Amino acid sequence: MKENNFFQFVISFGFLLLLFLLIHFIHFRSFRFDIFLNAVLFDIFLSLVIYVILSILYKKIDIFCIFSSSIIFLLSSLLYAVLIPTMVDRSISVKILTSLYQEHELKLSKEQLIKSINFSNVIEKRFEEFEKIGLINYDIDNNIIITKKGKFIASIFIINGKFLKISYDN
C-alpha cells in the first residue's frame, strides 16, 4: 500500500468514525429506545450510507480506500454494538457491579445486593423486547407462547450451548 493510500485510509476511517460518533451521540441523547441494539445498528447503517455518498461525491478518494475503511468500520462498530450498549442495558453482572459501586461504602451483603436489584423489572423488560421483535406472543389466557422466529433463535442458542458445553437447565 502506498503511503498516500494509507494516509487516505486513516483519514477516511477517522472521518467515518467521527461521523458515527456524532450521529450516535445525537441519536441517543435525543430519543429513548426500547431495544438499544436496533438503535445502534441504525446509527451504523446511517453513518455508512452518508460516508459512502460523500466519498463518491468527493471523487478524490480511492474506491479501495472507501471499501476497506467501510469494512473495518462495519466490523469494529458491530463489535461495539453487540458488546457495549447491549451489555450495559441487559447484563445482570453490570447491574450487580453498578449497585455495589453506587453504594457509599462500596460493599453490601448478598441479601442487600439482591434486594437492591429489581429482577422483576429486568424480566418484564425482556418480555416486552421479545414481544416487540416477534420472539413471543400471548394467548387468550395471557400465557407466553414462543413464535416460529423464537424457536429458531432458541435452537441456535441451544446448538451453541451444546457445542460450548453450557447447560440451560435451571
Protein backbone atom coordinates (compact mmCIF):
# COMPACT_ATOMS: atom_id res chain seq x y z
CA MET A 1 0.00 0.00 0.00
CA LYS A 2 1.39 3.35 -0.94
CA GLU A 3 1.93 5.97 1.74
CA ASN A 4 -0.72 8.19 0.12
CA ASN A 5 -3.27 5.34 0.16
CA PHE A 6 -2.54 4.59 3.80
CA PHE A 7 -2.98 8.26 4.67
CA GLN A 8 -6.29 8.30 2.73
CA PHE A 9 -7.40 5.19 4.61
CA VAL A 10 -6.58 6.70 8.01
CA ILE A 11 -8.38 9.95 7.16
CA SER A 12 -11.37 8.09 5.70
CA PHE A 13 -11.68 5.75 8.65
CA GLY A 14 -11.27 8.64 11.11
CA PHE A 15 -13.96 10.64 9.31
CA LEU A 16 -16.30 7.65 9.31
CA LEU A 17 -15.69 7.03 12.99
CA LEU A 18 -16.30 10.69 13.88
CA LEU A 19 -19.44 10.70 11.73
CA PHE A 20 -20.72 7.63 13.57
CA LEU A 21 -19.91 9.09 16.99
CA LEU A 22 -21.72 12.31 16.12
CA ILE A 23 -24.81 10.52 14.80
CA HIS A 24 -24.72 8.06 17.70
CA PHE A 25 -24.39 10.81 20.33
CA ILE A 26 -27.22 12.92 18.85
CA HIS A 27 -29.43 9.87 18.36
CA PHE A 28 -29.01 8.55 21.91
CA ARG A 29 -29.33 11.99 23.51
CA SER A 30 -32.45 12.90 21.54
CA PHE A 31 -34.52 9.70 21.68
CA ARG A 32 -35.47 6.96 24.13
CA PHE A 33 -35.10 3.37 22.95
CA ASP A 34 -36.64 0.10 23.97
CA ILE A 35 -34.15 -2.01 22.02
CA PHE A 36 -30.68 -0.47 22.08
CA LEU A 37 -29.14 -2.89 19.60
CA ASN A 38 -31.56 -1.80 16.86
CA ALA A 39 -30.77 1.87 17.54
CA VAL A 40 -27.01 1.29 17.30
CA LEU A 41 -27.42 -0.74 14.11
CA PHE A 42 -29.42 2.14 12.63
CA ASP A 43 -26.61 4.57 13.55
CA ILE A 44 -24.03 2.30 11.91
CA PHE A 45 -26.10 1.97 8.73
CA LEU A 46 -26.79 5.72 8.52
CA SER A 47 -23.10 6.54 9.05
CA LEU A 48 -22.03 4.16 6.30
CA VAL A 49 -24.59 5.50 3.82
CA ILE A 50 -23.60 9.13 4.45
CA TYR A 51 -19.89 8.27 4.30
CA VAL A 52 -20.15 6.35 1.02
CA ILE A 53 -22.25 9.09 -0.62
CA LEU A 54 -19.85 11.84 0.48
CA SER A 55 -16.80 9.80 -0.54
CA ILE A 56 -18.18 9.11 -4.01
CA LEU A 57 -19.13 12.77 -4.48
CA TYR A 58 -15.68 13.92 -3.35
CA LYS A 59 -14.06 11.78 -6.11
CA LYS A 60 -10.52 12.14 -4.72
CA ILE A 61 -10.72 9.04 -2.52
CA ASP A 62 -9.69 5.70 -3.97
CA ILE A 63 -12.55 3.16 -4.18
CA PHE A 64 -10.42 0.57 -2.39
CA CYS A 65 -9.89 3.06 0.44
CA ILE A 66 -13.65 3.63 0.71
CA PHE A 67 -14.28 -0.11 0.69
CA SER A 68 -11.57 -1.03 3.21
CA SER A 69 -12.40 1.74 5.67
CA SER A 70 -16.10 0.83 5.40
CA ILE A 71 -15.43 -2.86 6.08
CA ILE A 72 -13.14 -2.20 9.04
CA PHE A 73 -15.61 0.33 10.44
CA LEU A 74 -18.50 -2.09 9.98
CA LEU A 75 -16.73 -4.92 11.78
CA SER A 76 -15.50 -2.77 14.67
CA SER A 77 -18.81 -0.94 15.09
CA LEU A 78 -20.77 -4.21 15.08
CA LEU A 79 -18.48 -5.48 17.81
CA TYR A 80 -19.18 -2.28 19.76
CA ALA A 81 -22.94 -2.62 19.15
CA VAL A 82 -23.07 -6.17 20.45
CA LEU A 83 -20.78 -5.65 23.43
CA ILE A 84 -21.19 -2.20 24.93
CA PRO A 85 -24.76 -0.80 24.74
CA THR A 86 -26.35 -4.24 24.86
CA MET A 87 -24.23 -5.31 27.83
CA VAL A 88 -24.83 -2.09 29.74
CA ASP A 89 -28.57 -2.37 29.15
CA ARG A 90 -29.08 -6.10 29.81
CA SER A 91 -26.32 -7.62 31.88
CA ILE A 92 -27.13 -8.79 35.39
CA SER A 93 -23.39 -8.68 36.09
CA VAL A 94 -23.31 -4.99 35.17
CA LYS A 95 -26.33 -4.33 37.40
CA ILE A 96 -24.60 -6.08 40.33
CA LEU A 97 -21.36 -4.11 39.86
CA THR A 98 -23.13 -0.76 39.43
CA SER A 99 -25.28 -1.42 42.50
CA LEU A 100 -22.12 -2.09 44.51
CA TYR A 101 -20.39 0.98 43.09
CA GLN A 102 -23.33 3.29 43.78
CA GLU A 103 -23.37 2.40 47.47
CA HIS A 104 -21.34 4.84 49.58
CA GLU A 105 -19.42 2.13 51.41
CA LEU A 106 -18.87 0.14 48.19
CA LYS A 107 -19.93 -3.04 49.92
CA LEU A 108 -23.20 -4.84 50.55
CA SER A 109 -24.21 -8.19 51.92
CA LYS A 110 -25.56 -10.66 49.37
CA GLU A 111 -29.06 -10.11 50.73
CA GLN A 112 -28.77 -6.31 50.45
CA LEU A 113 -27.41 -6.61 46.94
CA ILE A 114 -30.21 -8.94 45.82
CA LYS A 115 -32.79 -6.54 47.32
CA SER A 116 -31.18 -3.56 45.56
CA ILE A 117 -31.76 -5.07 42.10
CA ASN A 118 -35.34 -5.20 40.85
CA PHE A 119 -35.24 -8.51 38.99
CA SER A 120 -38.93 -8.39 38.11
CA ASN A 121 -38.30 -5.20 36.09
CA VAL A 122 -35.37 -6.89 34.34
CA ILE A 123 -37.52 -9.90 33.39
CA GLU A 124 -40.53 -7.76 32.38
CA LYS A 125 -38.31 -5.65 30.11
CA ARG A 126 -37.12 -8.82 28.35
CA PHE A 127 -40.73 -9.96 27.80
CA GLU A 128 -41.55 -6.59 26.21
CA GLU A 129 -38.48 -6.78 23.96
CA PHE A 130 -39.20 -10.37 22.95
CA GLU A 131 -42.76 -9.46 22.01
CA LYS A 132 -41.67 -6.38 20.02
CA ILE A 133 -39.17 -8.33 17.94
CA GLY A 134 -41.53 -11.26 17.45
CA LEU A 135 -39.98 -13.98 19.60
CA ILE A 136 -43.03 -14.48 21.82
CA ASN A 137 -46.77 -13.82 21.82
CA TYR A 138 -49.51 -14.14 24.40
CA ASP A 139 -52.59 -16.34 24.13
CA ILE A 140 -56.12 -15.53 25.34
CA ASP A 141 -55.23 -16.58 28.91
CA ASN A 142 -52.10 -14.37 28.86
CA ASN A 143 -49.76 -17.37 28.65
CA ILE A 144 -46.49 -16.81 26.83
CA ILE A 145 -46.15 -18.67 23.53
CA ILE A 146 -42.89 -18.91 21.60
CA THR A 147 -43.18 -17.98 17.90
CA LYS A 148 -41.50 -19.70 14.94
CA LYS A 149 -38.90 -16.95 14.96
CA GLY A 150 -38.39 -17.51 18.71
CA LYS A 151 -37.99 -21.26 18.19
CA PHE A 152 -35.39 -20.63 15.50
CA ILE A 153 -33.38 -18.24 17.71
CA ALA A 154 -33.67 -20.61 20.70
CA SER A 155 -32.43 -23.53 18.59
CA ILE A 156 -29.34 -21.52 17.62
CA PHE A 157 -28.59 -20.85 21.30
CA ILE A 158 -29.22 -24.50 22.21
CA ILE A 159 -26.88 -25.75 19.48
CA ASN A 160 -24.19 -23.26 20.54
CA GLY A 161 -24.75 -24.18 24.18
CA LYS A 162 -24.25 -27.88 23.42
CA PHE A 163 -21.13 -27.11 21.42
CA LEU A 164 -19.72 -24.97 24.25
CA LYS A 165 -20.99 -27.43 26.91
CA ILE A 166 -23.17 -24.76 28.54
CA SER A 167 -26.22 -26.05 30.36
CA TYR A 168 -29.51 -24.14 30.14
CA ASP A 169 -31.08 -26.19 32.94
CA ASN A 170 -32.38 -24.27 35.96
